[in-house]
Amino acid sequence: ASGSIFSINAMGWYRQAPGKQRELVAIITRDGRTKY
């Protein structure tokens, strides 16, 4: 990540297969909390 990083406190991964909608993979917050 670069740019206005000060505005971020969460990052995540999503995925999309052909013919399917985008789906959540995982999320992590700046303090280390995760969701899958």
PDB file of all heavy atoms in Angstrom:
ATOM      1  N   ALA A   1       0.829  -1.202   0.000  1.00  0.00           N
ATOM      2  CA  ALA A   1       0.000   0.000   0.000  1.00  0.00           C
ATOM      3  C   ALA A   1       0.866   1.256   0.000  1.00  0.00           C
ATOM      4  O   ALA A   1       1.905   1.311   0.654  1.00  0.00           O
ATOM      5  CB  ALA A   1      -0.925   0.013   1.210  1.00  0.00           C
ATOM      6  N   SER A   2       0.412   2.282  -0.730  1.00  0.00           N
ATOM      7  CA  SER A   2       1.094   3.567  -0.751  1.00  0.00           C
ATOM      8  C   SER A   2       0.061   4.675  -0.911  1.00  0.00           C
ATOM      9  O   SER A   2      -1.098   4.413  -1.222  1.00  0.00           O
ATOM     10  CB  SER A   2       2.130   3.629  -1.878  1.00  0.00           C
ATOM     11  OG  SER A   2       1.518   3.467  -3.147  1.00  0.00           O
ATOM     12  N   GLY A   3       0.474   5.926  -0.691  1.00  0.00           N
ATOM     13  CA  GLY A   3      -0.433   7.056  -0.794  1.00  0.00           C
ATOM     14  C   GLY A   3      -0.938   7.489   0.569  1.00  0.00           C
ATOM     15  O   GLY A   3      -0.154   7.616   1.504  1.00  0.00           O
ATOM     16  N   SER A   4      -2.254   7.692   0.698  1.00  0.00           N
ATOM     17  CA  SER A   4      -2.870   8.182   1.931  1.00  0.00           C
ATOM     18  C   SER A   4      -3.078   7.051   2.925  1.00  0.00           C
ATOM     19  O   SER A   4      -4.207   6.735   3.321  1.00  0.00           O
ATOM     20  CB  SER A   4      -4.190   8.883   1.613  1.00  0.00           C
ATOM     21  OG  SER A   4      -4.006   9.969   0.729  1.00  0.00           O
ATOM     22  N   ILE A   5      -1.974   6.445   3.350  1.00  0.00           N
ATOM     23  CA  ILE A   5      -2.040   5.273   4.225  1.00  0.00           C
ATOM     24  C   ILE A   5      -2.612   5.624   5.597  1.00  0.00           C
ATOM     25  O   ILE A   5      -3.180   4.760   6.266  1.00  0.00           O
ATOM     26  CB  ILE A   5      -0.643   4.638   4.343  1.00  0.00           C
ATOM     27  CG1 ILE A   5      -0.129   4.246   2.956  1.00  0.00           C
ATOM     28  CG2 ILE A   5      -0.679   3.422   5.259  1.00  0.00           C
ATOM     29  CD1 ILE A   5       1.302   3.736   2.963  1.00  0.00           C
ATOM     30  N   PHE A   6      -2.493   6.873   6.016  1.00  0.00           N
ATOM     31  CA  PHE A   6      -3.005   7.288   7.319  1.00  0.00           C
ATOM     32  C   PHE A   6      -4.499   7.046   7.459  1.00  0.00           C
ATOM     33  O   PHE A   6      -5.002   6.925   8.576  1.00  0.00           O
ATOM     34  CB  PHE A   6      -2.700   8.773   7.556  1.00  0.00           C
ATOM     35  CG  PHE A   6      -3.393   9.696   6.599  1.00  0.00           C
ATOM     36  CD1 PHE A   6      -4.648  10.197   6.876  1.00  0.00           C
ATOM     37  CD2 PHE A   6      -2.790  10.067   5.412  1.00  0.00           C
ATOM     38  CE1 PHE A   6      -5.297  11.042   5.995  1.00  0.00           C
ATOM     39  CE2 PHE A   6      -3.419  10.912   4.516  1.00  0.00           C
ATOM     40  CZ  PHE A   6      -4.687  11.399   4.812  1.00  0.00           C
ATOM     41  N   SER A   7      -5.228   6.988   6.336  1.00  0.00           N
ATOM     42  CA  SER A   7      -6.676   6.812   6.370  1.00  0.00           C
ATOM     43  C   SER A   7      -7.095   5.350   6.482  1.00  0.00           C
ATOM     44  O   SER A   7      -8.286   5.065   6.597  1.00  0.00           O
ATOM     45  CB  SER A   7      -7.306   7.418   5.112  1.00  0.00           C
ATOM     46  OG  SER A   7      -6.897   6.729   3.944  1.00  0.00           O
ATOM     47  N   ILE A   8      -6.161   4.417   6.452  1.00  0.00           N
ATOM     48  CA  ILE A   8      -6.457   2.979   6.457  1.00  0.00           C
ATOM     49  C   ILE A   8      -6.330   2.391   7.853  1.00  0.00           C
ATOM     50  O   ILE A   8      -5.358   2.663   8.553  1.00  0.00           O
ATOM     51  CB  ILE A   8      -5.495   2.229   5.516  1.00  0.00           C
ATOM     52  CG1 ILE A   8      -5.616   2.733   4.083  1.00  0.00           C
ATOM     53  CG2 ILE A   8      -5.768   0.729   5.574  1.00  0.00           C
ATOM     54  CD1 ILE A   8      -4.541   2.171   3.163  1.00  0.00           C
ATOM     55  N   ASN A   9      -7.301   1.586   8.250  1.00  0.00           N
ATOM     56  CA  ASN A   9      -7.123   0.771   9.445  1.00  0.00           C
ATOM     57  C   ASN A   9      -7.554  -0.677   9.219  1.00  0.00           C
ATOM     58  O   ASN A   9      -7.590  -1.471  10.164  1.00  0.00           O
ATOM     59  CB  ASN A   9      -7.827   1.367  10.670  1.00  0.00           C
ATOM     60  CG  ASN A   9      -9.331   1.238  10.630  1.00  0.00           C
ATOM     61  OD1 ASN A   9      -9.917   0.873   9.617  1.00  0.00           O
ATOM     62  ND2 ASN A   9      -9.963   1.555  11.762  1.00  0.00           N
ATOM     63  N   ALA A  10      -7.860  -1.039   7.973  1.00  0.00           N
ATOM     64  CA  ALA A  10      -8.230  -2.408   7.646  1.00  0.00           C
ATOM     65  C   ALA A  10      -7.835  -2.713   6.212  1.00  0.00           C
ATOM     66  O   ALA A  10      -7.951  -1.858   5.328  1.00  0.00           O
ATOM     67  CB  ALA A  10      -9.724  -2.632   7.843  1.00  0.00           C
ATOM     68  N   MET A  11      -7.382  -3.931   5.976  1.00  0.00           N
ATOM     69  CA  MET A  11      -7.077  -4.392   4.633  1.00  0.00           C
ATOM     70  C   MET A  11      -7.627  -5.798   4.475  1.00  0.00           C
ATOM     71  O   MET A  11      -7.799  -6.520   5.452  1.00  0.00           O
ATOM     72  CB  MET A  11      -5.578  -4.370   4.353  1.00  0.00           C
ATOM     73  CG  MET A  11      -4.980  -2.970   4.387  1.00  0.00           C
ATOM     74  SD  MET A  11      -3.218  -2.914   3.951  1.00  0.00           S
ATOM     75  CE  MET A  11      -3.297  -3.311   2.185  1.00  0.00           C
ATOM     76  N   GLY A  12      -7.900  -6.171   3.228  1.00  0.00           N
ATOM     77  CA  GLY A  12      -8.488  -7.482   3.000  1.00  0.00           C
ATOM     78  C   GLY A  12      -8.159  -8.053   1.649  1.00  0.00           C
ATOM     79  O   GLY A  12      -7.590  -7.383   0.781  1.00  0.00           O
ATOM     80  N   TRP A  13      -8.515  -9.316   1.490  1.00  0.00           N
ATOM     81  CA  TRP A  13      -8.390 -10.027   0.228  1.00  0.00           C
ATOM     82  C   TRP A  13      -9.758 -10.525  -0.206  1.00  0.00           C
ATOM     83  O   TRP A  13     -10.508 -11.082   0.601  1.00  0.00           O
ATOM     84  CB  TRP A  13      -7.439 -11.221   0.344  1.00  0.00           C
ATOM     85  CG  TRP A  13      -5.999 -10.849   0.491  1.00  0.00           C
ATOM     86  CD1 TRP A  13      -5.288 -10.733   1.642  1.00  0.00           C
ATOM     87  CD2 TRP A  13      -5.086 -10.563  -0.582  1.00  0.00           C
ATOM     88  NE1 TRP A  13      -3.986 -10.392   1.367  1.00  0.00           N
ATOM     89  CE2 TRP A  13      -3.835 -10.281   0.007  1.00  0.00           C
ATOM     90  CE3 TRP A  13      -5.200 -10.521  -1.966  1.00  0.00           C
ATOM     91  CZ2 TRP A  13      -2.703  -9.953  -0.750  1.00  0.00           C
ATOM     92  CZ3 TRP A  13      -4.080 -10.191  -2.720  1.00  0.00           C
ATOM     93  CH2 TRP A  13      -2.858  -9.917  -2.112  1.00  0.00           C
ATOM     94  N   TYR A  14     -10.076 -10.322  -1.476  1.00  0.00           N
ATOM     95  CA  TYR A  14     -11.265 -10.860  -2.112  1.00  0.00           C
ATOM     96  C   TYR A  14     -10.836 -11.641  -3.340  1.00  0.00           C
ATOM     97  O   TYR A  14      -9.728 -11.478  -3.823  1.00  0.00           O
ATOM     98  CB  TYR A  14     -12.227  -9.738  -2.518  1.00  0.00           C
ATOM     99  CG  TYR A  14     -12.950  -9.076  -1.368  1.00  0.00           C
ATOM    100  CD1 TYR A  14     -12.299  -8.182  -0.535  1.00  0.00           C
ATOM    101  CD2 TYR A  14     -14.295  -9.346  -1.124  1.00  0.00           C
ATOM    102  CE1 TYR A  14     -12.960  -7.567   0.519  1.00  0.00           C
ATOM    103  CE2 TYR A  14     -14.965  -8.739  -0.078  1.00  0.00           C
ATOM    104  CZ  TYR A  14     -14.292  -7.851   0.736  1.00  0.00           C
ATOM    105  OH  TYR A  14     -14.963  -7.249   1.780  1.00  0.00           O
ATOM    106  N   ARG A  15     -11.730 -12.470  -3.871  1.00  0.00           N
ATOM    107  CA  ARG A  15     -11.416 -13.188  -5.097  1.00  0.00           C
ATOM    108  C   ARG A  15     -12.646 -13.272  -5.982  1.00  0.00           C
ATOM    109  O   ARG A  15     -13.772 -13.202  -5.507  1.00  0.00           O
ATOM    110  CB  ARG A  15     -10.872 -14.589  -4.807  1.00  0.00           C
ATOM    111  CG  ARG A  15     -11.896 -15.569  -4.252  1.00  0.00           C
ATOM    112  CD  ARG A  15     -11.231 -16.897  -3.919  1.00  0.00           C
ATOM    113  NE  ARG A  15     -12.197 -17.911  -3.524  1.00  0.00           N
ATOM    114  CZ  ARG A  15     -11.874 -19.130  -3.108  1.00  0.00           C
ATOM    115  NH1 ARG A  15     -10.596 -19.491  -3.034  1.00  0.00           N
ATOM    116  NH2 ARG A  15     -12.831 -19.987  -2.772  1.00  0.00           N
ATOM    117  N   GLN A  16     -12.421 -13.437  -7.288  1.00  0.00           N
ATOM    118  CA  GLN A  16     -13.501 -13.569  -8.243  1.00  0.00           C
ATOM    119  C   GLN A  16     -13.115 -14.573  -9.319  1.00  0.00           C
ATOM    120  O   GLN A  16     -12.125 -14.392 -10.022  1.00  0.00           O
ATOM    121  CB  GLN A  16     -13.847 -12.220  -8.881  1.00  0.00           C
ATOM    122  CG  GLN A  16     -15.080 -12.276  -9.765  1.00  0.00           C
ATOM    123  CD  GLN A  16     -15.573 -10.893 -10.157  1.00  0.00           C
ATOM    124  OE1 GLN A  16     -14.809  -9.934 -10.174  1.00  0.00           O
ATOM    125  NE2 GLN A  16     -16.844 -10.787 -10.467  1.00  0.00           N
ATOM    126  N   ALA A  17     -13.901 -15.628  -9.439  1.00  0.00           N
ATOM    127  CA  ALA A  17     -13.721 -16.632 -10.472  1.00  0.00           C
ATOM    128  C   ALA A  17     -14.601 -16.288 -11.670  1.00  0.00           C
ATOM    129  O   ALA A  17     -15.617 -15.599 -11.521  1.00  0.00           O
ATOM    130  CB  ALA A  17     -14.072 -18.015  -9.933  1.00  0.00           C
ATOM    131  N   PRO A  18     -14.249 -16.761 -12.873  1.00  0.00           N
ATOM    132  CA  PRO A  18     -15.061 -16.474 -14.059  1.00  0.00           C
ATOM    133  C   PRO A  18     -16.509 -16.893 -13.877  1.00  0.00           C
ATOM    134  O   PRO A  18     -16.797 -18.008 -13.443  1.00  0.00           O
ATOM    135  CB  PRO A  18     -14.382 -17.291 -15.157  1.00  0.00           C
ATOM    136  CG  PRO A  18     -12.965 -17.412 -14.707  1.00  0.00           C
ATOM    137  CD  PRO A  18     -13.046 -17.541 -13.210  1.00  0.00           C
ATOM    138  N   GLY A  19     -17.441 -15.988 -14.188  1.00  0.00           N
ATOM    139  CA  GLY A  19     -18.855 -16.279 -14.085  1.00  0.00           C
ATOM    140  C   GLY A  19     -19.427 -16.226 -12.686  1.00  0.00           C
ATOM    141  O   GLY A  19     -20.611 -16.512 -12.504  1.00  0.00           O
ATOM    142  N   LYS A  20     -18.617 -15.875 -11.682  1.00  0.00           N
ATOM    143  CA  LYS A  20     -19.078 -15.810 -10.305  1.00  0.00           C
ATOM    144  C   LYS A  20     -18.860 -14.411  -9.738  1.00  0.00           C
ATOM    145  O   LYS A  20     -18.033 -13.648 -10.231  1.00  0.00           O
ATOM    146  CB  LYS A  20     -18.355 -16.842  -9.441  1.00  0.00           C
ATOM    147  CG  LYS A  20     -18.604 -18.285  -9.845  1.00  0.00           C
ATOM    148  CD  LYS A  20     -17.929 -19.252  -8.896  1.00  0.00           C
ATOM    149  CE  LYS A  20     -18.225 -20.694  -9.267  1.00  0.00           C
ATOM    150  NZ  LYS A  20     -17.558 -21.643  -8.330  1.00  0.00           N
ATOM    151  N   GLN A  21     -19.601 -14.088  -8.679  1.00  0.00           N
ATOM    152  CA  GLN A  21     -19.449 -12.794  -8.042  1.00  0.00           C
ATOM    153  C   GLN A  21     -18.230 -12.779  -7.129  1.00  0.00           C
ATOM    154  O   GLN A  21     -17.740 -13.825  -6.692  1.00  0.00           O
ATOM    155  CB  GLN A  21     -20.708 -12.425  -7.253  1.00  0.00           C
ATOM    156  CG  GLN A  21     -21.014 -13.326  -6.082  1.00  0.00           C
ATOM    157  CD  GLN A  21     -22.293 -12.927  -5.372  1.00  0.00           C
ATOM    158  OE1 GLN A  21     -23.052 -12.081  -5.843  1.00  0.00           O
ATOM    159  NE2 GLN A  21     -22.548 -13.530  -4.226  1.00  0.00           N
ATOM    160  N   ARG A  22     -17.741 -11.582  -6.853  1.00  0.00           N
ATOM    161  CA  ARG A  22     -16.614 -11.412  -5.954  1.00  0.00           C
ATOM    162  C   ARG A  22     -16.990 -11.869  -4.551  1.00  0.00           C
ATOM    163  O   ARG A  22     -18.090 -11.587  -4.064  1.00  0.00           O
ATOM    164  CB  ARG A  22     -16.189  -9.943  -5.943  1.00  0.00           C
ATOM    165  CG  ARG A  22     -14.947  -9.647  -5.126  1.00  0.00           C
ATOM    166  CD  ARG A  22     -14.622  -8.161  -5.206  1.00  0.00           C
ATOM    167  NE  ARG A  22     -15.712  -7.350  -4.675  1.00  0.00           N
ATOM    168  CZ  ARG A  22     -15.779  -6.031  -4.767  1.00  0.00           C
ATOM    169  NH1 ARG A  22     -14.814  -5.351  -5.375  1.00  0.00           N
ATOM    170  NH2 ARG A  22     -16.810  -5.370  -4.252  1.00  0.00           N
ATOM    171  N   GLU A  23     -16.070 -12.569  -3.874  1.00  0.00           N
ATOM    172  CA  GLU A  23     -16.337 -13.055  -2.536  1.00  0.00           C
ATOM    173  C   GLU A  23     -15.194 -12.717  -1.587  1.00  0.00           C
ATOM    174  O   GLU A  23     -14.035 -12.619  -1.982  1.00  0.00           O
ATOM    175  CB  GLU A  23     -16.576 -14.569  -2.537  1.00  0.00           C
ATOM    176  CG  GLU A  23     -15.375 -15.397  -2.949  1.00  0.00           C
ATOM    177  CD  GLU A  23     -15.615 -16.894  -2.827  1.00  0.00           C
ATOM    178  OE1 GLU A  23     -16.519 -17.302  -2.067  1.00  0.00           O
ATOM    179  OE2 GLU A  23     -14.896 -17.664  -3.491  1.00  0.00           O
ATOM    180  N   LEU A  24     -15.542 -12.567  -0.325  1.00  0.00           N
ATOM    181  CA  LEU A  24     -14.557 -12.284   0.715  1.00  0.00           C
ATOM    182  C   LEU A  24     -13.655 -13.489   0.946  1.00  0.00           C
ATOM    183  O   LEU A  24     -14.125 -14.626   0.996  1.00  0.00           O
ATOM    184  CB  LEU A  24     -15.265 -11.916   2.010  1.00  0.00           C
ATOM    185  CG  LEU A  24     -14.389 -11.814   3.268  1.00  0.00           C
ATOM    186  CD1 LEU A  24     -13.489 -10.589   3.186  1.00  0.00           C
ATOM    187  CD2 LEU A  24     -15.247 -11.762   4.525  1.00  0.00           C
ATOM    188  N   VAL A  25     -12.362 -13.237   1.120  1.00  0.00           N
ATOM    189  CA  VAL A  25     -11.410 -14.260   1.533  1.00  0.00           C
ATOM    190  C   VAL A  25     -11.029 -14.051   2.999  1.00  0.00           C
ATOM    191  O   VAL A  25     -11.228 -14.922   3.837  1.00  0.00           O
ATOM    192  CB  VAL A  25     -10.150 -14.263   0.650  1.00  0.00           C
ATOM    193  CG1 VAL A  25      -9.135 -15.275   1.170  1.00  0.00           C
ATOM    194  CG2 VAL A  25     -10.515 -14.564  -0.802  1.00  0.00           C
ATOM    195  N   ALA A  26     -10.468 -12.872   3.318  1.00  0.00           N
ATOM    196  CA  ALA A  26     -10.030 -12.587   4.679  1.00  0.00           C
ATOM    197  C   ALA A  26      -9.839 -11.094   4.868  1.00  0.00           C
ATOM    198  O   ALA A  26      -9.603 -10.360   3.907  1.00  0.00           O
ATOM    199  CB  ALA A  26      -8.724 -13.322   5.000  1.00  0.00           C
ATOM    200  N   ILE A  27      -9.922 -10.636   6.124  1.00  0.00           N
ATOM    201  CA  ILE A  27      -9.729  -9.240   6.494  1.00  0.00           C
ATOM    202  C   ILE A  27      -8.813  -9.168   7.709  1.00  0.00           C
ATOM    203  O   ILE A  27      -8.879 -10.025   8.589  1.00  0.00           O
ATOM    204  CB  ILE A  27     -11.073  -8.551   6.814  1.00  0.00           C
ATOM    205  CG1 ILE A  27     -11.945  -8.461   5.562  1.00  0.00           C
ATOM    206  CG2 ILE A  27     -10.863  -7.158   7.410  1.00  0.00           C
ATOM    207  CD1 ILE A  27     -13.362  -8.011   5.835  1.00  0.00           C
ATOM    208  N   ILE A  28      -7.977  -8.137   7.763  1.00  0.00           N
ATOM    209  CA  ILE A  28      -7.149  -7.887   8.937  1.00  0.00           C
ATOM    210  C   ILE A  28      -7.160  -6.396   9.250  1.00  0.00           C
ATOM    211  O   ILE A  28      -7.125  -5.562   8.353  1.00  0.00           O
ATOM    212  CB  ILE A  28      -5.703  -8.411   8.736  1.00  0.00           C
ATOM    213  CG1 ILE A  28      -4.921  -8.346  10.042  1.00  0.00           C
ATOM    214  CG2 ILE A  28      -4.996  -7.651   7.620  1.00  0.00           C
ATOM    215  CD1 ILE A  28      -3.634  -9.152  10.016  1.00  0.00           C
ATOM    216  N   THR A  29      -7.233  -6.050  10.548  1.00  0.00           N
ATOM    217  CA  THR A  29      -7.195  -4.665  10.982  1.00  0.00           C
ATOM    218  C   THR A  29      -5.787  -4.294  11.418  1.00  0.00           C
ATOM    219  O   THR A  29      -4.924  -5.156  11.603  1.00  0.00           O
ATOM    220  CB  THR A  29      -8.169  -4.417  12.137  1.00  0.00           C
ATOM    221  OG1 THR A  29      -7.814  -5.244  13.255  1.00  0.00           O
ATOM    222  CG2 THR A  29      -9.596  -4.737  11.711  1.00  0.00           C
ATOM    223  N   ARG A  30      -5.548  -2.989  11.599  1.00  0.00           N
ATOM    224  CA  ARG A  30      -4.220  -2.508  11.946  1.00  0.00           C
ATOM    225  C   ARG A  30      -3.721  -3.091  13.263  1.00  0.00           C
ATOM    226  O   ARG A  30      -2.518  -3.294  13.439  1.00  0.00           O
ATOM    227  CB  ARG A  30      -4.200  -0.982  12.007  1.00  0.00           C
ATOM    228  CG  ARG A  30      -2.802  -0.383  12.045  1.00  0.00           C
ATOM    229  CD  ARG A  30      -2.853   1.130  12.132  1.00  0.00           C
ATOM    230  NE  ARG A  30      -3.480   1.731  10.966  1.00  0.00           N
ATOM    231  CZ  ARG A  30      -2.846   2.017   9.827  1.00  0.00           C
ATOM    232  NH1 ARG A  30      -1.556   1.747   9.702  1.00  0.00           N
ATOM    233  NH2 ARG A  30      -3.502   2.568   8.818  1.00  0.00           N
ATOM    234  N   ASP A  31      -4.646  -3.380  14.192  1.00  0.00           N
ATOM    235  CA  ASP A  31      -4.253  -3.955  15.475  1.00  0.00           C
ATOM    236  C   ASP A  31      -4.227  -5.479  15.462  1.00  0.00           C
ATOM    237  O   ASP A  31      -4.082  -6.102  16.516  1.00  0.00           O
ATOM    238  CB  ASP A  31      -5.150  -3.436  16.598  1.00  0.00           C
ATOM    239  CG  ASP A  31      -6.605  -3.817  16.427  1.00  0.00           C
ATOM    240  OD1 ASP A  31      -6.945  -4.428  15.399  1.00  0.00           O
ATOM    241  OD2 ASP A  31      -7.415  -3.499  17.323  1.00  0.00           O
ATOM    242  N   GLY A  32      -4.368  -6.096  14.276  1.00  0.00           N
ATOM    243  CA  GLY A  32      -4.152  -7.522  14.142  1.00  0.00           C
ATOM    244  C   GLY A  32      -5.371  -8.418  14.224  1.00  0.00           C
ATOM    245  O   GLY A  32      -5.225  -9.652  14.165  1.00  0.00           O
ATOM    246  N   ARG A  33      -6.567  -7.865  14.363  1.00  0.00           N
ATOM    247  CA  ARG A  33      -7.774  -8.691  14.366  1.00  0.00           C
ATOM    248  C   ARG A  33      -8.026  -9.235  12.968  1.00  0.00           C
ATOM    249  O   ARG A  33      -7.821  -8.550  11.974  1.00  0.00           O
ATOM    250  CB  ARG A  33      -8.978  -7.892  14.842  1.00  0.00           C
ATOM    251  CG  ARG A  33      -8.934  -7.510  16.315  1.00  0.00           C
ATOM    252  CD  ARG A  33     -10.115  -6.620  16.662  1.00  0.00           C
ATOM    253  NE  ARG A  33     -10.012  -5.334  15.986  1.00  0.00           N
ATOM    254  CZ  ARG A  33     -11.040  -4.523  15.752  1.00  0.00           C
ATOM    255  NH1 ARG A  33     -12.264  -4.881  16.133  1.00  0.00           N
ATOM    256  NH2 ARG A  33     -10.843  -3.365  15.149  1.00  0.00           N
ATOM    257  N   THR A  34      -8.487 -10.483  12.872  1.00  0.00           N
ATOM    258  CA  THR A  34      -8.705 -11.132  11.582  1.00  0.00           C
ATOM    259  C   THR A  34     -10.114 -11.694  11.466  1.00  0.00           C
ATOM    260  O   THR A  34     -10.779 -11.995  12.462  1.00  0.00           O
ATOM    261  CB  THR A  34      -7.699 -12.269  11.352  1.00  0.00           C
ATOM    262  OG1 THR A  34      -7.819 -13.244  12.392  1.00  0.00           O
ATOM    263  CG2 THR A  34      -6.281 -11.728  11.330  1.00  0.00           C
ATOM    264  N   LYS A  35     -10.557 -11.857  10.224  1.00  0.00           N
ATOM    265  CA  LYS A  35     -11.845 -12.457   9.905  1.00  0.00           C
ATOM    266  C   LYS A  35     -11.678 -13.251   8.615  1.00  0.00           C
ATOM    267  O   LYS A  35     -11.055 -12.768   7.670  1.00  0.00           O
ATOM    268  CB  LYS A  35     -12.922 -11.384   9.736  1.00  0.00           C
ATOM    269  CG  LYS A  35     -14.290 -11.923   9.358  1.00  0.00           C
ATOM    270  CD  LYS A  35     -15.286 -10.792   9.182  1.00  0.00           C
ATOM    271  CE  LYS A  35     -16.658 -11.302   8.780  1.00  0.00           C
ATOM    272  NZ  LYS A  35     -17.629 -10.205   8.602  1.00  0.00           N
ATOM    273  N   TYR A  36     -12.231 -14.466   8.573  1.00  0.00           N
ATOM    274  CA  TYR A  36     -12.118 -15.327   7.407  1.00  0.00           C
ATOM    275  C   TYR A  36     -13.482 -15.792   6.935  1.00  0.00           C
ATOM    276  O   TYR A  36     -14.393 -16.013   7.744  1.00  0.00           O
ATOM    277  CB  TYR A  36     -11.283 -16.567   7.720  1.00  0.00           C
ATOM    278  CG  TYR A  36      -9.845 -16.295   8.075  1.00  0.00           C
ATOM    279  CD1 TYR A  36      -9.456 -16.083   9.391  1.00  0.00           C
ATOM    280  CD2 TYR A  36      -8.869 -16.263   7.082  1.00  0.00           C
ATOM    281  CE1 TYR A  36      -8.131 -15.835   9.712  1.00  0.00           C
ATOM    282  CE2 TYR A  36      -7.549 -16.021   7.398  1.00  0.00           C
ATOM    283  CZ  TYR A  36      -7.185 -15.807   8.722  1.00  0.00           C
ATOM    284  OH  TYR A  36      -5.866 -15.570   9.027  1.00  0.00           O
TER     285      TYR A  36
END
